[in-house]
Amino acid sequence: MLPVAELQNESPAEQLAAAATSFAVSHKADAVGVARMDPLYVFEGYQIDEPWVMVLALAHNYERLKEVALRRNQQIWSRKKELLFVCAK
């Protein structure tokens, strides 16, 4: 988590939100929102004490995720076969 900046920008909230959204979308975020902090937004082991948060949405590429999972399963199975072969010797 990034700390809150010591130097506060006094621009209107709408202008700050538009600038942050533009920056995030130009860096691969699919959607951006500013919301009141809800503990459900925070990963386990982290804590946010600020009243407002920015939420970035990133779309998943499910076809790519399936490829990664398949490759990982193939690696695990290959290692298991190698171990079985070594143990059988």
N, C-alpha and C. Protein backbone atom coordinates (compact mmCIF):
# COMPACT_ATOMS: atom_id res chain seq x y z
N MET A 1 0.83 -1.16 0.00
CA MET A 1 0.00 0.00 0.00
C MET A 1 0.89 1.25 0.00
N LEU A 2 0.46 2.24 -0.73
CA LEU A 2 1.21 3.49 -0.77
C LEU A 2 0.75 4.42 0.33
N PRO A 3 1.67 5.14 0.95
CA PRO A 3 1.25 6.09 1.98
C PRO A 3 0.54 7.28 1.35
N VAL A 4 -0.25 7.95 2.15
CA VAL A 4 -0.92 9.16 1.70
C VAL A 4 0.15 10.23 1.51
N ALA A 5 0.07 10.97 0.42
CA ALA A 5 1.06 12.00 0.13
C ALA A 5 1.05 13.09 1.20
N GLU A 6 2.23 13.56 1.57
CA GLU A 6 2.32 14.64 2.55
C GLU A 6 1.82 15.95 1.97
N LEU A 7 2.10 16.19 0.69
CA LEU A 7 1.68 17.41 0.02
C LEU A 7 0.30 17.16 -0.59
N GLN A 8 -0.70 17.88 -0.12
CA GLN A 8 -2.07 17.70 -0.59
C GLN A 8 -2.34 18.55 -1.82
N ASN A 9 -3.00 17.97 -2.82
CA ASN A 9 -3.41 18.70 -4.01
C ASN A 9 -4.79 19.26 -3.73
N GLU A 10 -4.94 20.56 -3.84
CA GLU A 10 -6.20 21.22 -3.48
C GLU A 10 -7.18 21.34 -4.66
N SER A 11 -6.92 20.64 -5.76
CA SER A 11 -7.83 20.67 -6.91
C SER A 11 -9.17 20.07 -6.52
N PRO A 12 -10.24 20.42 -7.23
CA PRO A 12 -11.56 19.85 -6.95
C PRO A 12 -11.54 18.32 -7.11
N ALA A 13 -12.35 17.64 -6.33
CA ALA A 13 -12.40 16.17 -6.34
C ALA A 13 -12.67 15.63 -7.74
N GLU A 14 -13.56 16.27 -8.48
CA GLU A 14 -13.90 15.80 -9.82
C GLU A 14 -12.68 15.84 -10.74
N GLN A 15 -11.87 16.89 -10.62
CA GLN A 15 -10.67 17.03 -11.44
C GLN A 15 -9.64 15.97 -11.05
N LEU A 16 -9.46 15.73 -9.77
CA LEU A 16 -8.51 14.72 -9.31
C LEU A 16 -8.95 13.33 -9.75
N ALA A 17 -10.24 13.04 -9.63
CA ALA A 17 -10.76 11.73 -10.04
C ALA A 17 -10.58 11.53 -11.54
N ALA A 18 -10.84 12.57 -12.33
CA ALA A 18 -10.67 12.46 -13.79
C ALA A 18 -9.21 12.22 -14.15
N ALA A 19 -8.30 12.91 -13.49
CA ALA A 19 -6.87 12.74 -13.78
C ALA A 19 -6.41 11.34 -13.37
N ALA A 20 -6.85 10.88 -12.21
CA ALA A 20 -6.45 9.54 -11.75
C ALA A 20 -7.02 8.47 -12.68
N THR A 21 -8.27 8.64 -13.11
CA THR A 21 -8.90 7.68 -14.01
C THR A 21 -8.16 7.64 -15.34
N SER A 22 -7.83 8.80 -15.87
CA SER A 22 -7.10 8.87 -17.14
C SER A 22 -5.75 8.17 -17.02
N PHE A 23 -5.05 8.42 -15.93
CA PHE A 23 -3.76 7.77 -15.72
C PHE A 23 -3.91 6.26 -15.62
N ALA A 24 -4.85 5.79 -14.81
CA ALA A 24 -5.03 4.35 -14.59
C ALA A 24 -5.43 3.64 -15.88
N VAL A 25 -6.37 4.21 -16.62
CA VAL A 25 -6.83 3.59 -17.86
C VAL A 25 -5.70 3.56 -18.90
N SER A 26 -4.88 4.58 -18.91
CA SER A 26 -3.76 4.59 -19.87
C SER A 26 -2.66 3.61 -19.45
N HIS A 27 -2.78 3.05 -18.24
CA HIS A 27 -1.81 2.06 -17.77
C HIS A 27 -2.49 0.70 -17.55
N LYS A 28 -3.46 0.40 -18.40
CA LYS A 28 -4.10 -0.93 -18.50
C LYS A 28 -5.22 -1.23 -17.51
N ALA A 29 -5.66 -0.28 -16.70
CA ALA A 29 -6.84 -0.53 -15.87
C ALA A 29 -8.05 -0.47 -16.80
N ASP A 30 -9.04 -1.30 -16.55
CA ASP A 30 -10.24 -1.31 -17.38
C ASP A 30 -11.33 -0.39 -16.83
N ALA A 31 -11.30 -0.17 -15.54
CA ALA A 31 -12.26 0.75 -14.91
C ALA A 31 -11.65 1.24 -13.61
N VAL A 32 -12.09 2.41 -13.19
CA VAL A 32 -11.57 3.03 -11.97
C VAL A 32 -12.74 3.62 -11.21
N GLY A 33 -12.69 3.52 -9.90
CA GLY A 33 -13.74 4.14 -9.10
C GLY A 33 -13.16 4.70 -7.82
N VAL A 34 -13.81 5.71 -7.30
CA VAL A 34 -13.47 6.26 -5.99
C VAL A 34 -14.65 5.91 -5.10
N ALA A 35 -14.36 5.32 -3.95
CA ALA A 35 -15.45 4.84 -3.09
C ALA A 35 -15.09 5.03 -1.62
N ARG A 36 -16.12 5.05 -0.80
CA ARG A 36 -15.87 5.00 0.65
C ARG A 36 -15.20 3.68 0.96
N MET A 37 -14.27 3.72 1.87
CA MET A 37 -13.53 2.52 2.24
C MET A 37 -14.46 1.47 2.83
N ASP A 38 -14.31 0.24 2.36
CA ASP A 38 -15.04 -0.91 2.88
C ASP A 38 -14.01 -2.00 3.14
N PRO A 39 -14.00 -2.60 4.33
CA PRO A 39 -13.00 -3.64 4.61
C PRO A 39 -13.00 -4.78 3.59
N LEU A 40 -14.09 -4.98 2.87
CA LEU A 40 -14.13 -6.03 1.86
C LEU A 40 -13.19 -5.74 0.69
N TYR A 41 -12.77 -4.50 0.53
CA TYR A 41 -11.85 -4.14 -0.55
C TYR A 41 -10.40 -4.49 -0.25
N VAL A 42 -10.09 -4.85 0.98
CA VAL A 42 -8.71 -4.97 1.43
C VAL A 42 -8.29 -6.44 1.52
N PHE A 43 -7.14 -6.75 0.95
CA PHE A 43 -6.61 -8.11 1.03
C PHE A 43 -6.26 -8.45 2.47
N GLU A 44 -6.38 -9.72 2.80
CA GLU A 44 -6.05 -10.20 4.13
C GLU A 44 -4.61 -9.82 4.49
N GLY A 45 -4.41 -9.35 5.69
CA GLY A 45 -3.08 -8.97 6.14
C GLY A 45 -2.78 -7.49 5.96
N TYR A 46 -3.66 -6.76 5.31
CA TYR A 46 -3.47 -5.33 5.10
C TYR A 46 -4.56 -4.56 5.85
N GLN A 47 -4.28 -3.30 6.11
CA GLN A 47 -5.26 -2.45 6.77
C GLN A 47 -5.23 -1.08 6.12
N ILE A 48 -6.39 -0.50 5.89
CA ILE A 48 -6.49 0.85 5.34
C ILE A 48 -7.32 1.66 6.31
N ASP A 49 -6.76 2.76 6.77
CA ASP A 49 -7.45 3.62 7.73
C ASP A 49 -8.04 4.86 7.10
N GLU A 50 -7.86 5.02 5.81
CA GLU A 50 -8.37 6.20 5.10
C GLU A 50 -9.87 6.02 4.81
N PRO A 51 -10.62 7.11 4.78
CA PRO A 51 -12.07 7.00 4.54
C PRO A 51 -12.44 6.75 3.07
N TRP A 52 -11.54 7.07 2.14
CA TRP A 52 -11.81 6.90 0.71
C TRP A 52 -10.71 6.08 0.07
N VAL A 53 -11.06 5.29 -0.95
CA VAL A 53 -10.10 4.49 -1.69
C VAL A 53 -10.37 4.58 -3.18
N MET A 54 -9.34 4.28 -3.95
CA MET A 54 -9.51 4.14 -5.40
C MET A 54 -9.50 2.66 -5.69
N VAL A 55 -10.48 2.21 -6.45
CA VAL A 55 -10.59 0.81 -6.80
C VAL A 55 -10.32 0.68 -8.30
N LEU A 56 -9.35 -0.16 -8.65
CA LEU A 56 -9.01 -0.39 -10.05
C LEU A 56 -9.52 -1.76 -10.46
N ALA A 57 -10.18 -1.82 -11.59
CA ALA A 57 -10.68 -3.09 -12.12
C ALA A 57 -9.83 -3.49 -13.31
N LEU A 58 -9.41 -4.74 -13.29
CA LEU A 58 -8.61 -5.30 -14.38
C LEU A 58 -9.32 -6.54 -14.90
N ALA A 59 -9.67 -6.53 -16.17
CA ALA A 59 -10.36 -7.67 -16.75
C ALA A 59 -9.40 -8.85 -16.87
N HIS A 60 -9.92 -10.02 -16.59
CA HIS A 60 -9.11 -11.24 -16.72
C HIS A 60 -9.19 -11.75 -18.16
N ASN A 61 -8.08 -12.26 -18.62
CA ASN A 61 -8.04 -12.93 -19.91
C ASN A 61 -8.16 -14.43 -19.60
N TYR A 62 -9.40 -14.93 -19.61
CA TYR A 62 -9.64 -16.30 -19.17
C TYR A 62 -8.95 -17.34 -20.06
N GLU A 63 -8.84 -17.06 -21.36
CA GLU A 63 -8.14 -18.00 -22.24
C GLU A 63 -6.67 -18.09 -21.83
N ARG A 64 -6.06 -16.97 -21.53
CA ARG A 64 -4.66 -16.96 -21.10
C ARG A 64 -4.51 -17.65 -19.74
N LEU A 65 -5.44 -17.40 -18.82
CA LEU A 65 -5.38 -18.04 -17.51
C LEU A 65 -5.50 -19.55 -17.64
N LYS A 66 -6.35 -20.02 -18.57
CA LYS A 66 -6.47 -21.47 -18.77
C LYS A 66 -5.15 -22.05 -19.27
N GLU A 67 -4.47 -21.33 -20.17
CA GLU A 67 -3.19 -21.80 -20.69
C GLU A 67 -2.17 -21.91 -19.56
N VAL A 68 -2.12 -20.89 -18.70
CA VAL A 68 -1.16 -20.89 -17.60
C VAL A 68 -1.46 -22.05 -16.65
N ALA A 69 -2.74 -22.24 -16.31
CA ALA A 69 -3.12 -23.34 -15.42
C ALA A 69 -2.79 -24.69 -16.04
N LEU A 70 -3.05 -24.85 -17.32
CA LEU A 70 -2.76 -26.11 -18.01
C LEU A 70 -1.26 -26.38 -17.99
N ARG A 71 -0.46 -25.36 -18.32
CA ARG A 71 0.98 -25.53 -18.32
C ARG A 71 1.50 -25.87 -16.92
N ARG A 72 0.93 -25.22 -15.90
CA ARG A 72 1.36 -25.48 -14.52
C ARG A 72 1.00 -26.92 -14.14
N ASN A 73 -0.19 -27.37 -14.49
CA ASN A 73 -0.58 -28.75 -14.20
C ASN A 73 0.32 -29.75 -14.93
N GLN A 74 0.68 -29.42 -16.16
CA GLN A 74 1.57 -30.30 -16.91
C GLN A 74 2.95 -30.38 -16.25
N GLN A 75 3.44 -29.25 -15.74
CA GLN A 75 4.72 -29.24 -15.05
C GLN A 75 4.65 -30.09 -13.78
N ILE A 76 3.57 -29.94 -13.03
CA ILE A 76 3.41 -30.72 -11.79
C ILE A 76 3.35 -32.20 -12.12
N TRP A 77 2.55 -32.57 -13.13
CA TRP A 77 2.43 -33.98 -13.50
C TRP A 77 3.77 -34.53 -13.98
N SER A 78 4.52 -33.74 -14.74
CA SER A 78 5.83 -34.17 -15.23
C SER A 78 6.77 -34.43 -14.06
N ARG A 79 6.76 -33.56 -13.07
CA ARG A 79 7.62 -33.74 -11.89
C ARG A 79 7.21 -34.98 -11.10
N LYS A 80 5.90 -35.21 -11.00
CA LYS A 80 5.43 -36.40 -10.28
C LYS A 80 5.90 -37.66 -11.00
N LYS A 81 5.82 -37.66 -12.34
CA LYS A 81 6.28 -38.83 -13.10
C LYS A 81 7.78 -39.03 -12.90
N GLU A 82 8.54 -37.94 -12.89
CA GLU A 82 9.99 -38.04 -12.66
C GLU A 82 10.26 -38.62 -11.29
N LEU A 83 9.54 -38.16 -10.28
CA LEU A 83 9.73 -38.67 -8.93
C LEU A 83 9.36 -40.15 -8.83
N LEU A 84 8.27 -40.52 -9.49
CA LEU A 84 7.86 -41.93 -9.48
C LEU A 84 8.91 -42.80 -10.15
N PHE A 85 9.47 -42.30 -11.25
CA PHE A 85 10.49 -43.04 -11.96
C PHE A 85 11.74 -43.22 -11.08
N VAL A 86 12.16 -42.13 -10.40
CA VAL A 86 13.33 -42.22 -9.53
C VAL A 86 13.07 -43.17 -8.38
N CYS A 87 11.88 -43.10 -7.79
CA CYS A 87 11.55 -43.98 -6.65
C CYS A 87 11.46 -45.45 -7.08
N ALA A 88 11.08 -45.70 -8.34
CA ALA A 88 10.92 -47.07 -8.80
C ALA A 88 12.27 -47.73 -9.10
N LYS A 89 13.30 -46.95 -9.25
CA LYS A 89 14.63 -47.51 -9.57
C LYS A 89 15.20 -48.30 -8.43
